[in-house]
Amino acid sequence: KLPKGGIRDHGDQQVFHRDEIDPLKVIVDLEVRHLKNIIQISEASSLAFHGMGLLAQSGGRLSVHEMASLTGSSEAHLSKVFQRLSRVGFVSSVRGPGGGFVLSRPAEEITLLDIYIAIEGEPSMDACFLGSGICPFSRCIFGEVVPDIMKRLMDYLSGTTLADVVKGDS
């Protein structure tokens, strides 16, 4: 028997069963599985989170080449991301053959939200699940689901420092 309001995975397919009682829960379950549709976390933000975490973990300097190798990312893209992080004062660049980047502030003082804002700007608390700019309704058809998810995410990002990330990885 299927759980009320859920979806059953069948290999590569997610099947909705007609006897389900709550189709909205099914839609929300699908969307939560695809969090990208709820909050836009760009590749640049992902690189910033991972690169800054690596710097905090290393406790010292890392080159763009080293970080790109560890994250499997493009050196050119990572370099652009770190230039932006340097402009806002989170990292300093070290020039020369042993060059790279170091944290400019203690890892305990930099939150994941600080990093997100540096790359993406202020987060939108009313993102659309459907990615639609035009909605025929005055109130979101998903009710308070989107604001609730966004609030939880923002609480997590604002309450989690780079030091917490490194501590959790040990």
N, C-alpha and C. Protein backbone atom coordinates (compact mmCIF):
# COMPACT_ATOMS: atom_id res chain seq x y z
N LYS A 1 0.85 -1.19 0.00
CA LYS A 1 0.00 0.00 0.00
C LYS A 1 0.89 1.24 0.00
N LEU A 2 0.51 2.22 -0.78
CA LEU A 2 1.28 3.46 -0.86
C LEU A 2 0.95 4.38 0.30
N PRO A 3 1.94 5.14 0.77
CA PRO A 3 1.64 6.11 1.82
C PRO A 3 0.75 7.21 1.26
N LYS A 4 -0.11 7.75 2.10
CA LYS A 4 -1.02 8.82 1.69
C LYS A 4 -0.23 10.01 1.16
N GLY A 5 -0.58 10.48 -0.03
CA GLY A 5 0.02 11.69 -0.56
C GLY A 5 1.45 11.55 -1.04
N GLY A 6 1.95 10.35 -1.22
CA GLY A 6 3.34 10.19 -1.64
C GLY A 6 3.49 9.74 -3.07
N ILE A 7 4.72 9.52 -3.48
CA ILE A 7 5.00 9.03 -4.82
C ILE A 7 5.82 7.76 -4.67
N ARG A 8 5.72 6.90 -5.62
CA ARG A 8 6.49 5.67 -5.61
C ARG A 8 7.47 5.72 -6.76
N ASP A 9 8.73 5.43 -6.47
CA ASP A 9 9.75 5.38 -7.53
C ASP A 9 9.69 4.02 -8.20
N HIS A 10 9.70 4.02 -9.52
CA HIS A 10 9.78 2.79 -10.31
C HIS A 10 10.95 2.95 -11.26
N GLY A 11 12.14 2.59 -10.79
CA GLY A 11 13.33 2.74 -11.63
C GLY A 11 13.60 4.21 -11.91
N ASP A 12 13.58 4.57 -13.18
CA ASP A 12 13.84 5.94 -13.58
C ASP A 12 12.60 6.81 -13.51
N GLN A 13 11.45 6.22 -13.21
CA GLN A 13 10.20 6.98 -13.24
C GLN A 13 9.64 7.18 -11.84
N GLN A 14 9.00 8.32 -11.66
CA GLN A 14 8.26 8.57 -10.43
C GLN A 14 6.80 8.53 -10.82
N VAL A 15 6.07 7.60 -10.24
CA VAL A 15 4.70 7.36 -10.67
C VAL A 15 3.72 7.91 -9.64
N PHE A 16 2.76 8.69 -10.13
CA PHE A 16 1.68 9.20 -9.30
C PHE A 16 0.53 8.21 -9.40
N HIS A 17 0.03 7.77 -8.29
CA HIS A 17 -1.08 6.82 -8.28
C HIS A 17 -2.39 7.55 -8.03
N ARG A 18 -3.41 7.23 -8.83
CA ARG A 18 -4.70 7.93 -8.77
C ARG A 18 -5.38 7.82 -7.41
N ASP A 19 -5.07 6.79 -6.64
CA ASP A 19 -5.75 6.64 -5.36
C ASP A 19 -5.15 7.52 -4.27
N GLU A 20 -4.16 8.34 -4.62
CA GLU A 20 -3.58 9.25 -3.65
C GLU A 20 -4.59 10.32 -3.28
N ILE A 21 -4.59 10.72 -2.02
CA ILE A 21 -5.57 11.67 -1.54
C ILE A 21 -5.13 13.12 -1.72
N ASP A 22 -3.84 13.41 -1.58
CA ASP A 22 -3.38 14.80 -1.56
C ASP A 22 -2.43 15.09 -2.72
N PRO A 23 -2.96 15.50 -3.90
CA PRO A 23 -2.09 15.77 -5.04
C PRO A 23 -1.11 16.91 -4.79
N LEU A 24 -1.47 17.89 -3.95
CA LEU A 24 -0.54 18.98 -3.65
C LEU A 24 0.71 18.43 -2.96
N LYS A 25 0.53 17.47 -2.05
CA LYS A 25 1.68 16.87 -1.38
C LYS A 25 2.57 16.16 -2.40
N VAL A 26 1.97 15.52 -3.36
CA VAL A 26 2.73 14.84 -4.41
C VAL A 26 3.57 15.86 -5.17
N ILE A 27 2.97 16.99 -5.54
CA ILE A 27 3.70 18.04 -6.26
C ILE A 27 4.83 18.58 -5.40
N VAL A 28 4.54 18.87 -4.14
CA VAL A 28 5.57 19.39 -3.24
C VAL A 28 6.69 18.37 -3.08
N ASP A 29 6.35 17.08 -2.92
CA ASP A 29 7.38 16.04 -2.81
C ASP A 29 8.29 16.05 -4.03
N LEU A 30 7.70 16.16 -5.21
CA LEU A 30 8.50 16.21 -6.43
C LEU A 30 9.40 17.44 -6.45
N GLU A 31 8.85 18.59 -6.08
CA GLU A 31 9.62 19.83 -6.11
C GLU A 31 10.74 19.81 -5.08
N VAL A 32 10.49 19.25 -3.90
CA VAL A 32 11.53 19.19 -2.89
C VAL A 32 12.67 18.30 -3.37
N ARG A 33 12.34 17.25 -4.11
CA ARG A 33 13.38 16.39 -4.68
C ARG A 33 14.22 17.16 -5.70
N HIS A 34 13.64 18.18 -6.25
CA HIS A 34 14.34 19.00 -7.24
C HIS A 34 14.47 20.41 -6.68
N LEU A 35 15.20 20.54 -5.57
CA LEU A 35 15.31 21.80 -4.84
C LEU A 35 15.75 22.95 -5.73
N LYS A 36 16.44 22.64 -6.82
CA LYS A 36 16.85 23.69 -7.75
C LYS A 36 15.66 24.50 -8.24
N ASN A 37 14.49 23.88 -8.31
CA ASN A 37 13.30 24.59 -8.77
C ASN A 37 12.74 25.51 -7.70
N ILE A 38 13.15 25.33 -6.46
CA ILE A 38 12.64 26.14 -5.37
C ILE A 38 13.56 27.32 -5.12
N ILE A 39 14.83 27.05 -4.98
CA ILE A 39 15.79 28.13 -4.76
C ILE A 39 16.88 27.98 -5.80
N GLN A 40 17.18 29.07 -6.41
CA GLN A 40 18.20 29.06 -7.45
C GLN A 40 19.58 29.19 -6.81
N ILE A 41 20.31 28.11 -6.76
CA ILE A 41 21.69 28.15 -6.29
C ILE A 41 22.54 27.90 -7.52
N SER A 42 23.19 28.95 -7.96
CA SER A 42 23.95 28.90 -9.20
C SER A 42 25.23 28.10 -9.02
N GLU A 43 25.84 27.78 -10.14
CA GLU A 43 27.15 27.12 -10.10
C GLU A 43 28.15 28.02 -9.39
N ALA A 44 28.06 29.33 -9.61
CA ALA A 44 28.98 30.27 -8.96
C ALA A 44 28.84 30.19 -7.44
N SER A 45 27.61 30.14 -6.94
CA SER A 45 27.40 30.03 -5.49
C SER A 45 27.94 28.70 -4.97
N SER A 46 27.69 27.64 -5.70
CA SER A 46 28.20 26.33 -5.30
C SER A 46 29.73 26.35 -5.22
N LEU A 47 30.36 26.95 -6.22
CA LEU A 47 31.83 27.06 -6.21
C LEU A 47 32.30 27.91 -5.03
N ALA A 48 31.58 28.98 -4.74
CA ALA A 48 31.95 29.84 -3.62
C ALA A 48 31.84 29.08 -2.30
N PHE A 49 30.72 28.37 -2.09
CA PHE A 49 30.55 27.59 -0.86
C PHE A 49 31.67 26.57 -0.71
N HIS A 50 31.91 25.80 -1.77
CA HIS A 50 32.92 24.75 -1.69
C HIS A 50 34.33 25.31 -1.58
N GLY A 51 34.65 26.32 -2.37
CA GLY A 51 35.98 26.92 -2.32
C GLY A 51 36.28 27.54 -0.96
N MET A 52 35.31 28.28 -0.43
CA MET A 52 35.49 28.90 0.89
C MET A 52 35.61 27.83 1.97
N GLY A 53 34.84 26.76 1.85
CA GLY A 53 34.96 25.65 2.79
C GLY A 53 36.34 25.02 2.75
N LEU A 54 36.87 24.86 1.53
CA LEU A 54 38.22 24.30 1.39
C LEU A 54 39.26 25.21 2.01
N LEU A 55 39.12 26.53 1.81
CA LEU A 55 40.06 27.47 2.43
C LEU A 55 39.99 27.38 3.95
N ALA A 56 38.78 27.32 4.50
CA ALA A 56 38.63 27.22 5.95
C ALA A 56 39.23 25.91 6.45
N GLN A 57 39.01 24.85 5.71
CA GLN A 57 39.53 23.53 6.10
C GLN A 57 41.06 23.51 6.06
N SER A 58 41.64 24.16 5.06
CA SER A 58 43.09 24.14 4.91
C SER A 58 43.77 25.00 5.97
N GLY A 59 43.07 26.02 6.44
CA GLY A 59 43.67 26.93 7.42
C GLY A 59 44.75 27.81 6.83
N GLY A 60 44.88 27.80 5.52
CA GLY A 60 45.93 28.61 4.88
C GLY A 60 45.58 28.95 3.46
N ARG A 61 46.59 28.93 2.61
CA ARG A 61 46.45 29.34 1.22
C ARG A 61 46.16 28.15 0.33
N LEU A 62 45.30 28.39 -0.65
CA LEU A 62 45.06 27.40 -1.71
C LEU A 62 45.04 28.13 -3.04
N SER A 63 45.59 27.51 -4.04
CA SER A 63 45.56 28.11 -5.38
C SER A 63 44.23 27.77 -6.05
N VAL A 64 43.90 28.55 -7.07
CA VAL A 64 42.70 28.27 -7.86
C VAL A 64 42.83 26.88 -8.48
N HIS A 65 44.03 26.55 -8.93
CA HIS A 65 44.26 25.23 -9.53
C HIS A 65 43.94 24.11 -8.53
N GLU A 66 44.42 24.26 -7.29
CA GLU A 66 44.16 23.23 -6.26
C GLU A 66 42.67 23.11 -5.97
N MET A 67 42.00 24.27 -5.83
CA MET A 67 40.56 24.23 -5.53
C MET A 67 39.77 23.65 -6.70
N ALA A 68 40.16 24.00 -7.92
CA ALA A 68 39.47 23.47 -9.11
C ALA A 68 39.64 21.95 -9.18
N SER A 69 40.83 21.47 -8.85
CA SER A 69 41.07 20.02 -8.84
C SER A 69 40.20 19.33 -7.79
N LEU A 70 40.11 19.93 -6.62
CA LEU A 70 39.34 19.33 -5.52
C LEU A 70 37.83 19.38 -5.75
N THR A 71 37.37 20.38 -6.51
CA THR A 71 35.93 20.52 -6.75
C THR A 71 35.51 20.03 -8.13
N GLY A 72 36.49 19.68 -8.98
CA GLY A 72 36.17 19.24 -10.33
C GLY A 72 35.56 20.34 -11.17
N SER A 73 36.02 21.56 -10.96
CA SER A 73 35.43 22.70 -11.65
C SER A 73 36.45 23.41 -12.55
N SER A 74 35.94 24.36 -13.30
CA SER A 74 36.76 25.15 -14.21
C SER A 74 37.59 26.17 -13.43
N GLU A 75 38.88 26.23 -13.71
CA GLU A 75 39.74 27.23 -13.06
C GLU A 75 39.29 28.63 -13.41
N ALA A 76 38.88 28.85 -14.66
CA ALA A 76 38.45 30.19 -15.09
C ALA A 76 37.22 30.64 -14.30
N HIS A 77 36.24 29.75 -14.15
CA HIS A 77 35.02 30.11 -13.42
C HIS A 77 35.32 30.32 -11.94
N LEU A 78 36.10 29.44 -11.36
CA LEU A 78 36.47 29.55 -9.96
C LEU A 78 37.24 30.85 -9.71
N SER A 79 38.11 31.21 -10.63
CA SER A 79 38.87 32.45 -10.51
C SER A 79 37.95 33.67 -10.48
N LYS A 80 36.94 33.69 -11.35
CA LYS A 80 35.97 34.80 -11.37
C LYS A 80 35.20 34.87 -10.06
N VAL A 81 34.79 33.72 -9.55
CA VAL A 81 34.06 33.68 -8.28
C VAL A 81 34.93 34.24 -7.16
N PHE A 82 36.19 33.84 -7.13
CA PHE A 82 37.08 34.30 -6.06
C PHE A 82 37.48 35.77 -6.21
N GLN A 83 37.46 36.29 -7.41
CA GLN A 83 37.66 37.74 -7.58
C GLN A 83 36.51 38.49 -6.92
N ARG A 84 35.30 37.99 -7.10
CA ARG A 84 34.13 38.62 -6.46
C ARG A 84 34.23 38.51 -4.94
N LEU A 85 34.62 37.34 -4.43
CA LEU A 85 34.76 37.17 -2.98
C LEU A 85 35.87 38.06 -2.43
N SER A 86 36.89 38.30 -3.22
CA SER A 86 37.97 39.20 -2.82
C SER A 86 37.47 40.64 -2.74
N ARG A 87 36.64 41.05 -3.71
CA ARG A 87 36.11 42.42 -3.72
C ARG A 87 35.26 42.71 -2.48
N VAL A 88 34.55 41.71 -1.96
CA VAL A 88 33.73 41.94 -0.77
C VAL A 88 34.50 41.69 0.53
N GLY A 89 35.77 41.32 0.42
CA GLY A 89 36.62 41.21 1.59
C GLY A 89 36.62 39.88 2.32
N PHE A 90 36.12 38.82 1.69
CA PHE A 90 36.13 37.51 2.34
C PHE A 90 37.46 36.79 2.16
N VAL A 91 38.14 37.06 1.04
CA VAL A 91 39.43 36.43 0.77
C VAL A 91 40.41 37.49 0.30
N SER A 92 41.68 37.17 0.44
CA SER A 92 42.76 38.01 -0.09
C SER A 92 43.56 37.15 -1.05
N SER A 93 44.04 37.78 -2.11
CA SER A 93 44.86 37.02 -3.06
C SER A 93 46.32 37.16 -2.68
N VAL A 94 47.04 36.07 -2.86
CA VAL A 94 48.47 36.02 -2.61
C VAL A 94 49.13 35.84 -3.97
N ARG A 95 49.97 36.77 -4.36
CA ARG A 95 50.60 36.72 -5.68
C ARG A 95 51.89 35.90 -5.66
N GLY A 96 52.31 35.49 -6.83
CA GLY A 96 53.58 34.80 -6.96
C GLY A 96 53.42 33.31 -7.19
N PRO A 97 54.56 32.61 -7.29
CA PRO A 97 54.54 31.18 -7.58
C PRO A 97 53.79 30.36 -6.53
N GLY A 98 53.82 30.78 -5.30
CA GLY A 98 53.09 30.07 -4.24
C GLY A 98 51.77 30.76 -3.96
N GLY A 99 51.26 31.47 -4.96
CA GLY A 99 50.06 32.30 -4.77
C GLY A 99 48.78 31.52 -4.63
N GLY A 100 47.73 32.25 -4.45
CA GLY A 100 46.41 31.65 -4.29
C GLY A 100 45.53 32.59 -3.50
N PHE A 101 44.67 32.02 -2.68
CA PHE A 101 43.77 32.81 -1.86
C PHE A 101 43.82 32.33 -0.42
N VAL A 102 43.60 33.27 0.50
CA VAL A 102 43.47 32.97 1.93
C VAL A 102 42.22 33.69 2.43
N LEU A 103 41.65 33.18 3.52
CA LEU A 103 40.52 33.87 4.13
C LEU A 103 41.01 35.19 4.72
N SER A 104 40.22 36.25 4.54
CA SER A 104 40.57 37.56 5.10
C SER A 104 40.01 37.74 6.50
N ARG A 105 39.03 36.93 6.84
CA ARG A 105 38.40 36.99 8.16
C ARG A 105 38.37 35.58 8.73
N PRO A 106 38.25 35.47 10.04
CA PRO A 106 38.16 34.13 10.64
C PRO A 106 36.94 33.37 10.11
N ALA A 107 37.08 32.07 9.96
CA ALA A 107 36.00 31.22 9.45
C ALA A 107 34.75 31.32 10.34
N GLU A 108 34.94 31.64 11.61
CA GLU A 108 33.81 31.77 12.54
C GLU A 108 32.97 33.01 12.25
N GLU A 109 33.50 33.94 11.47
CA GLU A 109 32.80 35.20 11.19
C GLU A 109 32.14 35.24 9.81
N ILE A 110 32.28 34.20 9.03
CA ILE A 110 31.71 34.19 7.68
C ILE A 110 30.62 33.13 7.62
N THR A 111 29.38 33.58 7.39
CA THR A 111 28.27 32.63 7.30
C THR A 111 28.05 32.22 5.84
N LEU A 112 27.34 31.13 5.68
CA LEU A 112 26.98 30.70 4.33
C LEU A 112 26.08 31.73 3.66
N LEU A 113 25.26 32.42 4.45
CA LEU A 113 24.41 33.47 3.89
C LEU A 113 25.26 34.63 3.37
N ASP A 114 26.33 34.98 4.10
CA ASP A 114 27.24 36.03 3.62
C ASP A 114 27.78 35.67 2.24
N ILE A 115 28.18 34.42 2.08
CA ILE A 115 28.74 33.96 0.80
C ILE A 115 27.67 33.99 -0.28
N TYR A 116 26.48 33.50 0.05
CA TYR A 116 25.38 33.49 -0.92
C TYR A 116 25.09 34.91 -1.41
N ILE A 117 24.97 35.85 -0.49
CA ILE A 117 24.66 37.24 -0.85
C ILE A 117 25.78 37.84 -1.69
N ALA A 118 27.03 37.52 -1.37
CA ALA A 118 28.16 38.05 -2.14
C ALA A 118 28.09 37.63 -3.60
N ILE A 119 27.57 36.44 -3.86
CA ILE A 119 27.52 35.93 -5.23
C ILE A 119 26.17 36.22 -5.89
N GLU A 120 25.08 35.99 -5.19
CA GLU A 120 23.74 36.07 -5.79
C GLU A 120 23.00 37.37 -5.51
N GLY A 121 23.42 38.09 -4.48
CA GLY A 121 22.63 39.23 -4.03
C GLY A 121 21.62 38.75 -3.00
N GLU A 122 20.77 39.66 -2.55
CA GLU A 122 19.77 39.31 -1.54
C GLU A 122 18.83 38.23 -2.07
N PRO A 123 18.56 37.20 -1.25
CA PRO A 123 17.67 36.13 -1.70
C PRO A 123 16.22 36.59 -1.80
N SER A 124 15.51 36.00 -2.74
CA SER A 124 14.09 36.29 -2.90
C SER A 124 13.31 35.32 -2.04
N MET A 125 12.47 35.85 -1.19
CA MET A 125 11.69 34.99 -0.30
C MET A 125 10.40 34.51 -0.95
N ASP A 126 10.14 34.97 -2.18
CA ASP A 126 8.89 34.57 -2.84
C ASP A 126 9.16 33.90 -4.18
N ALA A 127 10.19 33.06 -4.20
CA ALA A 127 10.51 32.34 -5.43
C ALA A 127 9.35 31.44 -5.82
N CYS A 128 9.14 31.27 -7.11
CA CYS A 128 8.04 30.45 -7.61
C CYS A 128 8.52 29.03 -7.86
N PHE A 129 7.79 28.06 -7.33
CA PHE A 129 8.10 26.65 -7.58
C PHE A 129 8.15 26.36 -9.08
N LEU A 130 7.27 27.00 -9.79
CA LEU A 130 7.11 26.71 -11.21
C LEU A 130 8.02 27.54 -12.08
N GLY A 131 8.80 28.43 -11.47
CA GLY A 131 9.71 29.27 -12.23
C GLY A 131 8.98 30.27 -13.11
N SER A 132 7.75 30.57 -12.76
CA SER A 132 6.93 31.44 -13.59
C SER A 132 6.99 32.88 -13.10
N GLY A 133 7.14 33.80 -14.03
CA GLY A 133 7.11 35.21 -13.68
C GLY A 133 5.70 35.75 -13.66
N ILE A 134 4.78 35.05 -14.28
CA ILE A 134 3.39 35.51 -14.38
C ILE A 134 2.50 34.46 -13.73
N CYS A 135 1.67 34.91 -12.80
CA CYS A 135 0.76 33.99 -12.12
C CYS A 135 -0.64 34.61 -12.14
N PRO A 136 -1.65 33.84 -12.50
CA PRO A 136 -3.00 34.39 -12.56
C PRO A 136 -3.68 34.51 -11.19
N PHE A 137 -3.01 34.07 -10.13
CA PHE A 137 -3.62 34.08 -8.81
C PHE A 137 -3.02 35.18 -7.94
N SER A 138 -3.82 35.71 -7.04
CA SER A 138 -3.32 36.75 -6.13
C SER A 138 -2.53 36.14 -4.98
N ARG A 139 -2.74 34.86 -4.72
CA ARG A 139 -2.03 34.15 -3.66
C ARG A 139 -1.42 32.90 -4.27
N CYS A 140 -0.21 32.56 -3.85
CA CYS A 140 0.48 31.39 -4.39
C CYS A 140 -0.36 30.13 -4.18
N ILE A 141 -0.47 29.32 -5.23
CA ILE A 141 -1.25 28.08 -5.12
C ILE A 141 -0.61 27.08 -4.16
N PHE A 142 0.66 27.29 -3.82
CA PHE A 142 1.34 26.41 -2.89
C PHE A 142 1.24 26.92 -1.45
N GLY A 143 0.47 27.97 -1.25
CA GLY A 143 0.27 28.50 0.10
C GLY A 143 1.56 28.96 0.73
N GLU A 144 1.81 28.53 1.93
CA GLU A 144 2.99 28.97 2.69
C GLU A 144 4.19 28.04 2.52
N VAL A 145 4.10 27.06 1.63
CA VAL A 145 5.19 26.10 1.46
C VAL A 145 6.48 26.81 1.06
N VAL A 146 6.43 27.67 0.04
CA VAL A 146 7.64 28.33 -0.44
C VAL A 146 8.24 29.23 0.64
N PRO A 147 7.47 30.14 1.25
CA PRO A 147 8.06 30.96 2.30
C PRO A 147 8.62 30.14 3.47
N ASP A 148 7.94 29.04 3.82
CA ASP A 148 8.43 28.19 4.91
C ASP A 148 9.78 27.56 4.56
N ILE A 149 9.89 27.04 3.35
CA ILE A 149 11.16 26.44 2.91
C ILE A 149 12.25 27.50 2.87
N MET A 150 11.93 28.66 2.31
CA MET A 150 12.92 29.74 2.21
C MET A 150 13.36 30.21 3.60
N LYS A 151 12.43 30.32 4.52
CA LYS A 151 12.79 30.76 5.88
C LYS A 151 13.72 29.74 6.52
N ARG A 152 13.39 28.46 6.39
CA ARG A 152 14.26 27.43 6.97
C ARG A 152 15.65 27.47 6.35
N LEU A 153 15.70 27.64 5.03
CA LEU A 153 16.99 27.70 4.36
C LEU A 153 17.78 28.92 4.81
N MET A 154 17.13 30.09 4.86
CA MET A 154 17.82 31.31 5.28
C MET A 154 18.29 31.21 6.73
N ASP A 155 17.48 30.60 7.59
CA ASP A 155 17.89 30.38 8.99
C ASP A 155 19.14 29.51 9.04
N TYR A 156 19.16 28.46 8.21
CA TYR A 156 20.33 27.58 8.18
C TYR A 156 21.56 28.33 7.66
N LEU A 157 21.40 29.02 6.52
CA LEU A 157 22.54 29.73 5.93
C LEU A 157 23.07 30.80 6.87
N SER A 158 22.17 31.54 7.53
CA SER A 158 22.62 32.63 8.41
C SER A 158 23.20 32.10 9.72
N GLY A 159 22.82 30.89 10.11
CA GLY A 159 23.30 30.33 11.37
C GLY A 159 24.47 29.37 11.21
N THR A 160 24.96 29.20 9.99
CA THR A 160 26.05 28.26 9.73
C THR A 160 27.26 29.01 9.22
N THR A 161 28.36 28.90 9.95
CA THR A 161 29.60 29.57 9.54
C THR A 161 30.51 28.57 8.81
N LEU A 162 31.54 29.11 8.19
CA LEU A 162 32.54 28.23 7.56
C LEU A 162 33.17 27.30 8.60
N ALA A 163 33.36 27.81 9.82
CA ALA A 163 33.93 26.98 10.89
C ALA A 163 33.00 25.80 11.20
N ASP A 164 31.68 26.05 11.18
CA ASP A 164 30.71 24.96 11.41
C ASP A 164 30.81 23.91 10.31
N VAL A 165 30.96 24.37 9.07
CA VAL A 165 31.06 23.46 7.92
C VAL A 165 32.28 22.56 8.08
N VAL A 166 33.41 23.17 8.43
CA VAL A 166 34.65 22.41 8.58
C VAL A 166 34.54 21.45 9.77
N LYS A 167 33.96 21.93 10.86
CA LYS A 167 33.79 21.09 12.05
C LYS A 167 32.93 19.88 11.73
N GLY A 168 31.87 20.08 10.95
CA GLY A 168 30.97 19.00 10.58
C GLY A 168 31.58 17.99 9.64
N ASP A 169 32.69 18.37 9.00
CA ASP A 169 33.34 17.49 8.03
C ASP A 169 34.46 16.67 8.67
N SER A 170 34.80 16.96 9.94
CA SER A 170 35.91 16.24 10.57
C SER A 170 35.50 14.88 11.05
